[in-house]
Amino acid sequence: MEPKKNPQANVGRNSSLYFAIGLALMLFLTNYAINYKTYDKVEIDIGQLDLEEIEDEEIPITEQIQTPPPPPPPPAAPEVIEIVEDEVEIEETVIESTEVDQETEIVEVEEVEVAEIEEDIDVPFSVIENVPVFPGCEKGSNTEKRNCMSKKISQFVNKKFNTELAGDLGLSGRQRINVIFKIDKTGTVTGIRARAPHPGLEKEAKRVIGLLPKMKPGKQRGKPVNVPYSLPIIFQVQD
C-alpha cells in the first residue's frame, strides 16, 4: 500500500533550525530595547579660560647642594741652609790707569811683517802669461811654446794610447774621448778626468795622461799657478 503523504512536504523536519534562528532574533531585539536611551538637548556653558590669571608656580627649594671646599695646599718644604766655611781667599784685581803723561816713555813698534797666503789659482791655458813648458819646447815666444806643448802632448798620447782596445771592447766606428787635467804649480799633471763611450777607454786615457813628463809650471804675474788643460782623443776603429 503506497503512502498518501509526500515525505518532502513534512514541515517538522527543519524545526530545530527554525527554533534557533527565532531565538537569536528575539535575543537581539531584547538587547536593543534594553540599551536604547534618549537624551534631552541642553546648552552647557563651560566658561572662558583666562591665561593672565594663571600665576607662575614657585617650586620651593627642598635641598641645596654645597660644594666641599678644596683641600689645603701641602706645606712648603723647609729651606735647607748650608753653612760654608769662609776659607776661600779672593784676589782683588787692581785696574791700573792707562793715561800717560810727559814722563812716560814711548816704545817704538817695529815693522810688522804680513805673511802672504798663497792661493791655488787656476788660469786657463789660452790666456796665461807664461805657459807651462813641455820638455823640448824651451825656446821661442809664449805662442810658440804653447803650440809646441800642444803638439808634443798629442804626439805622446798617439804613441802611448792603445787604439786596439776599442775593438777588444766590441766598439766600432769613430771614438772620441774628452780628457781634462791640470798642470799644477810644480809642473806635475794632476786631477785627470776622462769621459768616453766605454769605461775601458776612460781608464786607458787616464793611464796615458798620467805618463806625461813633469813640465815647467806656468806663471801668472811672475808666480806659479795651476793651468787646466783639455785634450780630445779621437781615433777610428778599423773593422
Protein backbone atom coordinates (compact mmCIF):
# COMPACT_ATOMS: atom_id res chain seq x y z
CA MET A 1 0.00 0.00 0.00
CA GLU A 2 1.58 3.37 -1.01
CA PRO A 3 1.61 6.29 1.49
CA LYS A 4 -0.65 9.12 0.58
CA LYS A 5 1.54 11.90 2.18
CA ASN A 6 4.60 13.20 0.31
CA PRO A 7 7.64 12.85 2.57
CA GLN A 8 9.18 16.10 1.18
CA ALA A 9 6.13 18.09 2.45
CA ASN A 10 6.98 17.29 6.12
CA VAL A 11 7.22 20.64 7.95
CA GLY A 12 8.77 19.26 11.13
CA ARG A 13 11.99 18.07 9.61
CA ASN A 14 13.79 21.55 9.99
CA SER A 15 12.08 22.62 13.22
CA SER A 16 15.33 22.79 15.22
CA LEU A 17 16.94 25.19 12.70
CA TYR A 18 13.94 27.49 12.71
CA PHE A 19 13.84 27.47 16.52
CA ALA A 20 17.50 28.57 16.73
CA ILE A 21 17.00 31.39 14.23
CA GLY A 22 13.93 32.67 16.06
CA LEU A 23 15.68 32.54 19.44
CA ALA A 24 18.66 34.53 18.15
CA LEU A 25 16.38 37.17 16.64
CA MET A 26 14.43 37.58 19.90
CA LEU A 27 17.61 37.93 21.93
CA PHE A 28 18.89 40.68 19.57
CA LEU A 29 15.61 42.63 19.81
CA THR A 30 15.53 42.31 23.59
CA ASN A 31 19.11 43.58 23.97
CA TYR A 32 18.47 46.55 21.68
CA ALA A 33 15.29 47.51 23.62
CA ILE A 34 17.13 47.38 26.97
CA ASN A 35 20.12 49.52 25.89
CA TYR A 36 18.17 52.12 23.92
CA LYS A 37 18.45 55.62 25.57
CA THR A 38 17.41 59.15 24.67
CA TYR A 39 18.97 62.50 25.85
CA ASP A 40 17.49 65.98 26.19
CA LYS A 41 19.27 68.76 24.28
CA VAL A 42 20.60 71.29 26.92
CA GLU A 43 23.13 74.06 26.28
CA ILE A 44 26.06 73.90 28.73
CA ASP A 45 28.36 76.95 29.40
CA ILE A 46 31.86 75.79 30.07
CA GLY A 47 33.11 79.32 30.74
CA GLN A 48 36.21 81.15 29.33
CA LEU A 49 39.78 80.37 30.20
CA ASP A 50 41.81 83.41 31.30
CA LEU A 51 45.51 82.72 30.91
CA GLU A 52 46.57 86.02 32.55
CA GLU A 53 45.24 84.96 35.92
CA ILE A 54 47.45 81.92 35.99
CA GLU A 55 50.45 82.69 38.12
CA ASP A 56 53.81 81.04 37.79
CA GLU A 57 54.14 78.26 40.20
CA GLU A 58 57.05 78.67 42.55
CA ILE A 59 58.87 75.47 43.25
CA PRO A 60 60.34 75.54 46.73
CA ILE A 61 63.99 74.55 47.10
CA THR A 62 63.98 71.50 49.25
CA GLU A 63 67.73 70.78 49.33
CA GLN A 64 70.80 72.87 48.43
CA ILE A 65 73.92 71.01 47.39
CA GLN A 66 77.03 72.59 48.84
CA THR A 67 80.39 72.06 47.07
CA PRO A 68 83.05 70.96 49.53
CA PRO A 69 85.96 73.42 49.85
CA PRO A 70 89.23 72.47 48.06
CA PRO A 71 91.84 70.69 50.14
CA PRO A 72 94.51 72.92 51.64
CA PRO A 73 97.86 73.09 49.75
CA PRO A 74 100.66 70.88 51.05
CA PRO A 75 103.05 72.60 53.41
CA ALA A 76 106.19 74.05 51.81
CA ALA A 77 109.40 72.13 52.30
CA PRO A 78 111.70 73.74 54.79
CA GLU A 79 114.66 75.54 53.27
CA VAL A 80 117.97 73.84 53.86
CA ILE A 81 120.63 76.36 54.69
CA GLU A 82 124.13 75.09 54.10
CA ILE A 83 126.80 76.80 56.08
CA VAL A 84 130.07 77.10 54.15
CA GLU A 85 133.24 77.96 55.91
CA ASP A 86 134.81 81.15 54.57
CA GLU A 87 138.25 79.82 53.72
CA VAL A 88 138.50 80.90 50.07
CA GLU A 89 140.82 83.79 49.53
CA ILE A 90 139.66 86.26 46.90
CA GLU A 91 142.31 88.04 44.93
CA GLU A 92 141.42 91.58 44.15
CA THR A 93 142.14 92.77 40.63
CA VAL A 94 143.88 96.09 40.53
CA ILE A 95 142.99 98.17 37.50
CA GLU A 96 145.86 100.42 36.59
CA SER A 97 145.34 103.67 34.81
CA THR A 98 146.19 103.77 31.12
CA GLU A 99 146.67 107.51 30.98
CA VAL A 100 150.11 108.75 30.03
CA ASP A 101 151.91 111.87 30.97
CA GLN A 102 155.03 113.64 29.75
CA GLU A 103 157.34 111.35 31.75
CA THR A 104 156.02 108.14 30.18
CA GLU A 105 158.44 106.52 27.78
CA ILE A 106 157.04 105.77 24.33
CA VAL A 107 158.07 102.36 22.97
CA GLU A 108 158.72 102.25 19.26
CA VAL A 109 156.86 99.49 17.41
CA GLU A 110 158.89 97.52 14.94
CA GLU A 111 157.61 96.86 11.45
CA VAL A 112 155.03 94.09 11.30
CA GLU A 113 155.60 91.55 8.62
CA VAL A 114 152.43 90.33 6.92
CA ALA A 115 152.77 86.79 5.67
CA GLU A 116 151.31 86.30 2.26
CA ILE A 117 148.96 83.35 1.91
CA GLU A 118 149.44 81.51 -1.30
CA GLU A 119 146.18 80.63 -3.03
CA ASP A 120 145.69 77.97 -5.64
CA ILE A 121 144.63 79.96 -8.67
CA ASP A 122 143.61 78.27 -11.92
CA VAL A 123 144.50 80.23 -15.05
CA PRO A 124 143.27 78.89 -18.42
CA PHE A 125 145.91 77.68 -20.84
CA SER A 126 144.74 80.07 -23.56
CA VAL A 127 145.19 83.30 -21.53
CA ILE A 128 148.11 82.57 -19.18
CA GLU A 129 151.03 84.98 -19.40
CA ASN A 130 153.72 82.29 -19.31
CA VAL A 131 152.53 78.88 -20.48
CA PRO A 132 153.87 75.65 -18.97
CA VAL A 133 156.94 74.44 -20.82
CA PHE A 134 156.93 70.87 -22.10
CA PRO A 135 160.38 69.22 -22.30
CA GLY A 136 161.85 70.23 -25.67
CA CYS A 137 159.76 73.43 -26.01
CA GLU A 138 162.02 75.81 -24.05
CA LYS A 139 162.82 78.13 -26.96
CA GLY A 140 160.63 80.66 -28.73
CA SER A 141 157.89 83.08 -27.74
CA ASN A 142 154.94 82.33 -25.50
CA THR A 143 152.77 81.49 -28.52
CA GLU A 144 155.44 79.18 -29.94
CA LYS A 145 155.79 77.42 -26.59
CA ARG A 146 152.01 76.97 -26.43
CA ASN A 147 151.87 75.44 -29.92
CA CYS A 148 154.89 73.25 -29.21
CA MET A 149 153.36 71.95 -25.99
CA SER A 150 150.06 71.06 -27.70
CA LYS A 151 151.90 69.26 -30.46
CA LYS A 152 154.16 67.33 -28.06
CA ILE A 153 151.26 66.18 -25.89
CA SER A 154 149.27 64.99 -28.94
CA GLN A 155 152.28 63.04 -30.24
CA PHE A 156 152.85 61.50 -26.81
CA VAL A 157 149.22 60.36 -26.48
CA ASN A 158 149.08 58.94 -30.03
CA LYS A 159 152.20 56.92 -29.30
CA LYS A 160 151.15 55.56 -25.89
CA PHE A 161 147.38 55.06 -26.37
CA ASN A 162 146.26 51.52 -27.17
CA THR A 163 143.79 52.04 -30.03
CA GLU A 164 143.20 48.28 -30.37
CA LEU A 165 141.43 48.34 -27.01
CA ALA A 166 138.24 49.69 -28.62
CA GLY A 167 138.00 46.65 -30.89
CA ASP A 168 138.53 44.30 -27.95
CA LEU A 169 135.66 46.06 -26.13
CA GLY A 170 133.34 45.47 -29.10
CA LEU A 171 133.27 49.11 -30.22
CA SER A 172 133.31 50.24 -33.82
CA GLY A 173 133.47 53.44 -35.83
CA ARG A 174 134.79 56.82 -34.71
CA GLN A 175 135.61 57.09 -31.00
CA ARG A 176 136.05 60.34 -29.02
CA ILE A 177 137.46 60.69 -25.52
CA ASN A 178 137.45 64.06 -23.72
CA VAL A 179 140.24 64.41 -21.18
CA ILE A 180 140.76 67.26 -18.66
CA PHE A 181 143.74 67.62 -16.34
CA LYS A 182 145.82 70.25 -14.55
CA ILE A 183 149.47 71.18 -14.58
CA ASP A 184 149.99 72.33 -11.00
CA LYS A 185 152.45 74.87 -9.57
CA THR A 186 155.20 72.26 -9.53
CA GLY A 187 154.66 71.19 -13.15
CA THR A 188 153.06 67.84 -12.24
CA VAL A 189 149.98 66.53 -14.03
CA THR A 190 147.08 66.15 -11.52
CA GLY A 191 143.29 65.92 -11.43
CA ILE A 192 142.89 63.71 -14.52
CA ARG A 193 139.28 63.21 -15.65
CA ALA A 194 138.02 61.46 -18.77
CA ARG A 195 134.69 60.86 -20.50
CA ALA A 196 134.31 58.17 -23.16
CA PRO A 197 131.67 55.80 -24.64
CA HIS A 198 133.10 52.96 -22.55
CA PRO A 199 134.70 52.87 -19.07
CA GLY A 200 137.59 50.90 -20.53
CA LEU A 201 138.51 53.81 -22.81
CA GLU A 202 138.31 56.24 -19.89
CA LYS A 203 140.70 54.10 -17.88
CA GLU A 204 143.15 53.89 -20.78
CA ALA A 205 143.04 57.67 -21.32
CA LYS A 206 143.80 58.33 -17.62
CA ARG A 207 146.69 55.88 -17.74
CA VAL A 208 148.28 57.59 -20.77
CA ILE A 209 147.88 61.15 -19.41
CA GLY A 210 149.39 60.04 -16.11
CA LEU A 211 152.57 59.11 -18.03
CA LEU A 212 153.18 62.69 -19.20
CA PRO A 213 156.60 64.02 -18.06
CA LYS A 214 156.96 66.76 -15.48
CA MET A 215 156.93 70.25 -17.02
CA LYS A 216 157.99 73.72 -16.09
CA PRO A 217 154.92 75.27 -14.39
CA GLY A 218 153.02 78.14 -15.91
CA LYS A 219 153.25 81.60 -14.34
CA GLN A 220 150.84 84.48 -13.95
CA ARG A 221 152.37 87.81 -12.86
CA GLY A 222 155.60 86.01 -12.10
CA LYS A 223 154.04 83.43 -9.74
CA PRO A 224 153.47 79.72 -10.47
CA VAL A 225 149.80 78.83 -10.91
CA ASN A 226 147.66 75.84 -11.82
CA VAL A 227 146.88 75.56 -15.52
CA PRO A 228 143.84 73.46 -16.63
CA TYR A 229 144.29 71.68 -19.94
CA SER A 230 141.72 69.83 -22.08
CA LEU A 231 142.62 67.27 -24.72
CA PRO A 232 140.25 65.43 -27.09
CA ILE A 233 141.44 61.96 -28.17
CA ILE A 234 139.81 60.91 -31.45
CA PHE A 235 140.51 57.74 -33.41
CA GLN A 236 138.80 55.40 -35.88
CA VAL A 237 138.29 51.72 -35.10
CA GLN A 238 139.23 49.58 -38.09
CA ASP A 239 136.61 46.89 -38.86
